[in-house]
């Protein structure tokens, strides 16, 4: 899935394992899982202000392959969730990506 590929290649984010369906989960990269959750909520709010309506979901931290140095200070993480199910959604992907890129990394 193209959105997953773009997010996985963006150093600001960590993606969940590659999706089997059209559901993409990701978190902002941070030094602690609790901070990723906090940033995900802020990202969600800012994206909505820009008319990109994502979802938030709390999942087990094991859904994400976290690199060394990330403190697992919680067993779960609140992540951003996007579903691109219809072929028509592909036509919107560049606009969705533009909004994601425009959301401030400083929340």
C-alpha atoms as a PDB file:
ATOM      1  CA  UNK A   1       0.000   0.000   0.000  1.00  0.00           C
ATOM      2  CA  UNK A   2       1.373   3.373  -1.060  1.00  0.00           C
ATOM      3  CA  UNK A   3       0.465   5.347   2.065  1.00  0.00           C
ATOM      4  CA  UNK A   4       2.233   2.784   4.250  1.00  0.00           C
ATOM      5  CA  UNK A   5       5.312   2.969   2.019  1.00  0.00           C
ATOM      6  CA  UNK A   6       5.459   6.769   2.247  1.00  0.00           C
ATOM      7  CA  UNK A   7       5.026   6.781   6.017  1.00  0.00           C
ATOM      8  CA  UNK A   8       7.623   4.021   6.487  1.00  0.00           C
ATOM      9  CA  UNK A   9      10.142   6.094   4.532  1.00  0.00           C
ATOM     10  CA  UNK A  10       9.484   9.296   6.488  1.00  0.00           C
ATOM     11  CA  UNK A  11      11.883   9.597   9.450  1.00  0.00           C
ATOM     12  CA  UNK A  12       9.212  11.403  11.513  1.00  0.00           C
ATOM     13  CA  UNK A  13       7.098   8.243  11.803  1.00  0.00           C
ATOM     14  CA  UNK A  14       7.147   4.584  12.791  1.00  0.00           C
ATOM     15  CA  UNK A  15       4.667   2.335  11.023  1.00  0.00           C
ATOM     16  CA  UNK A  16       3.032  -0.811  12.272  1.00  0.00           C
ATOM     17  CA  UNK A  17       3.856  -3.973  10.406  1.00  0.00           C
ATOM     18  CA  UNK A  18       2.805  -3.817   6.741  1.00  0.00           C
ATOM     19  CA  UNK A  19      -0.973  -3.927   6.477  1.00  0.00           C
ATOM     20  CA  UNK A  20      -2.784  -7.030   5.309  1.00  0.00           C
ATOM     21  CA  UNK A  21      -5.842  -4.896   4.591  1.00  0.00           C
ATOM     22  CA  UNK A  22      -6.141  -1.237   3.646  1.00  0.00           C
ATOM     23  CA  UNK A  23      -5.675  -0.052   7.227  1.00  0.00           C
ATOM     24  CA  UNK A  24      -2.472   1.834   7.974  1.00  0.00           C
ATOM     25  CA  UNK A  25      -1.283   2.456  11.556  1.00  0.00           C
ATOM     26  CA  UNK A  26       1.539   4.821  12.466  1.00  0.00           C
ATOM     27  CA  UNK A  27       2.981   6.845  15.326  1.00  0.00           C
ATOM     28  CA  UNK A  28       5.208   9.889  15.510  1.00  0.00           C
ATOM     29  CA  UNK A  29       8.774   8.883  16.314  1.00  0.00           C
ATOM     30  CA  UNK A  30       9.686   9.752  19.909  1.00  0.00           C
ATOM     31  CA  UNK A  31      12.035   8.588  22.637  1.00  0.00           C
ATOM     32  CA  UNK A  32       9.173   7.140  24.753  1.00  0.00           C
ATOM     33  CA  UNK A  33       5.966   5.353  23.764  1.00  0.00           C
ATOM     34  CA  UNK A  34       3.907   7.641  25.993  1.00  0.00           C
ATOM     35  CA  UNK A  35       5.324  10.606  24.073  1.00  0.00           C
ATOM     36  CA  UNK A  36       4.426   8.970  20.734  1.00  0.00           C
ATOM     37  CA  UNK A  37       0.857   8.611  22.011  1.00  0.00           C
ATOM     38  CA  UNK A  38       0.746  12.259  23.065  1.00  0.00           C
ATOM     39  CA  UNK A  39       2.121  13.415  19.730  1.00  0.00           C
ATOM     40  CA  UNK A  40      -0.317  11.175  17.834  1.00  0.00           C
ATOM     41  CA  UNK A  41      -3.253  12.893  19.565  1.00  0.00           C
ATOM     42  CA  UNK A  42      -1.857  16.334  18.718  1.00  0.00           C
ATOM     43  CA  UNK A  43      -1.175  15.264  15.119  1.00  0.00           C
ATOM     44  CA  UNK A  44      -4.770  13.995  14.885  1.00  0.00           C
ATOM     45  CA  UNK A  45      -6.131  17.381  16.010  1.00  0.00           C
ATOM     46  CA  UNK A  46      -3.918  19.376  13.651  1.00  0.00           C
ATOM     47  CA  UNK A  47      -4.719  17.122  10.681  1.00  0.00           C
ATOM     48  CA  UNK A  48      -8.443  17.596  11.379  1.00  0.00           C
ATOM     49  CA  UNK A  49      -7.973  21.376  11.317  1.00  0.00           C
ATOM     50  CA  UNK A  50      -6.546  20.863   7.835  1.00  0.00           C
ATOM     51  CA  UNK A  51      -9.572  18.729   6.824  1.00  0.00           C
ATOM     52  CA  UNK A  52      -7.774  15.391   6.973  1.00  0.00           C
ATOM     53  CA  UNK A  53      -9.861  13.176   9.194  1.00  0.00           C
ATOM     54  CA  UNK A  54      -7.863  10.288  10.575  1.00  0.00           C
ATOM     55  CA  UNK A  55      -8.710   8.016  13.484  1.00  0.00           C
ATOM     56  CA  UNK A  56      -6.950   7.233  16.725  1.00  0.00           C
ATOM     57  CA  UNK A  57      -6.673   3.706  18.088  1.00  0.00           C
ATOM     58  CA  UNK A  58      -4.807   2.246  21.041  1.00  0.00           C
ATOM     59  CA  UNK A  59      -2.993  -0.985  20.264  1.00  0.00           C
ATOM     60  CA  UNK A  60      -0.351  -3.170  21.909  1.00  0.00           C
ATOM     61  CA  UNK A  61       3.113  -1.669  21.521  1.00  0.00           C
ATOM     62  CA  UNK A  62       4.285  -4.928  19.942  1.00  0.00           C
ATOM     63  CA  UNK A  63       2.472  -3.881  16.738  1.00  0.00           C
ATOM     64  CA  UNK A  64       5.417  -1.561  16.082  1.00  0.00           C
ATOM     65  CA  UNK A  65       9.022  -2.482  15.441  1.00  0.00           C
ATOM     66  CA  UNK A  66      10.684   0.128  17.613  1.00  0.00           C
ATOM     67  CA  UNK A  67      14.319   0.894  17.244  1.00  0.00           C
ATOM     68  CA  UNK A  68      16.882   0.898  20.011  1.00  0.00           C
ATOM     69  CA  UNK A  69      16.656   3.743  22.456  1.00  0.00           C
ATOM     70  CA  UNK A  70      12.856   3.914  22.517  1.00  0.00           C
ATOM     71  CA  UNK A  71      11.646   3.641  26.089  1.00  0.00           C
ATOM     72  CA  UNK A  72       8.699   1.267  26.361  1.00  0.00           C
ATOM     73  CA  UNK A  73       7.134   3.070  29.297  1.00  0.00           C
ATOM     74  CA  UNK A  74       3.702   1.672  28.490  1.00  0.00           C
ATOM     75  CA  UNK A  75       2.331  -1.596  27.086  1.00  0.00           C
ATOM     76  CA  UNK A  76       0.064   0.167  24.583  1.00  0.00           C
ATOM     77  CA  UNK A  77       0.396   3.105  22.234  1.00  0.00           C
ATOM     78  CA  UNK A  78      -2.183   5.447  20.740  1.00  0.00           C
ATOM     79  CA  UNK A  79      -1.594   5.582  17.023  1.00  0.00           C
ATOM     80  CA  UNK A  80      -2.972   7.246  13.939  1.00  0.00           C
ATOM     81  CA  UNK A  81      -5.129   5.123  11.686  1.00  0.00           C
ATOM     82  CA  UNK A  82      -6.108   5.615   8.068  1.00  0.00           C
ATOM     83  CA  UNK A  83      -8.258   3.435   5.860  1.00  0.00           C
ATOM     84  CA  UNK A  84      -8.036   3.750   2.081  1.00  0.00           C
ATOM     85  CA  UNK A  85     -10.488   1.116   0.897  1.00  0.00           C
ATOM     86  CA  UNK A  86     -11.973   2.426  -2.314  1.00  0.00           C
ATOM     87  CA  UNK A  87     -10.081   2.749  -5.588  1.00  0.00           C
ATOM     88  CA  UNK A  88     -11.218   6.396  -5.619  1.00  0.00           C
ATOM     89  CA  UNK A  89      -9.075   7.012  -2.541  1.00  0.00           C
ATOM     90  CA  UNK A  90      -5.907   6.573  -4.587  1.00  0.00           C
ATOM     91  CA  UNK A  91      -6.762   9.760  -6.445  1.00  0.00           C
ATOM     92  CA  UNK A  92      -6.629  11.588  -3.086  1.00  0.00           C
ATOM     93  CA  UNK A  93      -3.356  10.083  -1.901  1.00  0.00           C
ATOM     94  CA  UNK A  94      -1.130  12.956  -3.006  1.00  0.00           C
ATOM     95  CA  UNK A  95      -3.417  15.484  -1.264  1.00  0.00           C
ATOM     96  CA  UNK A  96      -3.510  13.330   1.890  1.00  0.00           C
ATOM     97  CA  UNK A  97       0.277  13.126   1.835  1.00  0.00           C
ATOM     98  CA  UNK A  98       0.581  16.885   1.329  1.00  0.00           C
ATOM     99  CA  UNK A  99      -1.478  17.471   4.478  1.00  0.00           C
ATOM    100  CA  UNK A 100       0.521  14.906   6.464  1.00  0.00           C
ATOM    101  CA  UNK A 101       3.736  16.612   5.389  1.00  0.00           C
ATOM    102  CA  UNK A 102       2.356  20.007   6.372  1.00  0.00           C
ATOM    103  CA  UNK A 103       1.443  19.095   9.933  1.00  0.00           C
ATOM    104  CA  UNK A 104       4.049  20.643  12.200  1.00  0.00           C
ATOM    105  CA  UNK A 105       6.542  18.203  13.708  1.00  0.00           C
ATOM    106  CA  UNK A 106       6.595  20.368  16.836  1.00  0.00           C
ATOM    107  CA  UNK A 107       2.935  19.905  17.780  1.00  0.00           C
END
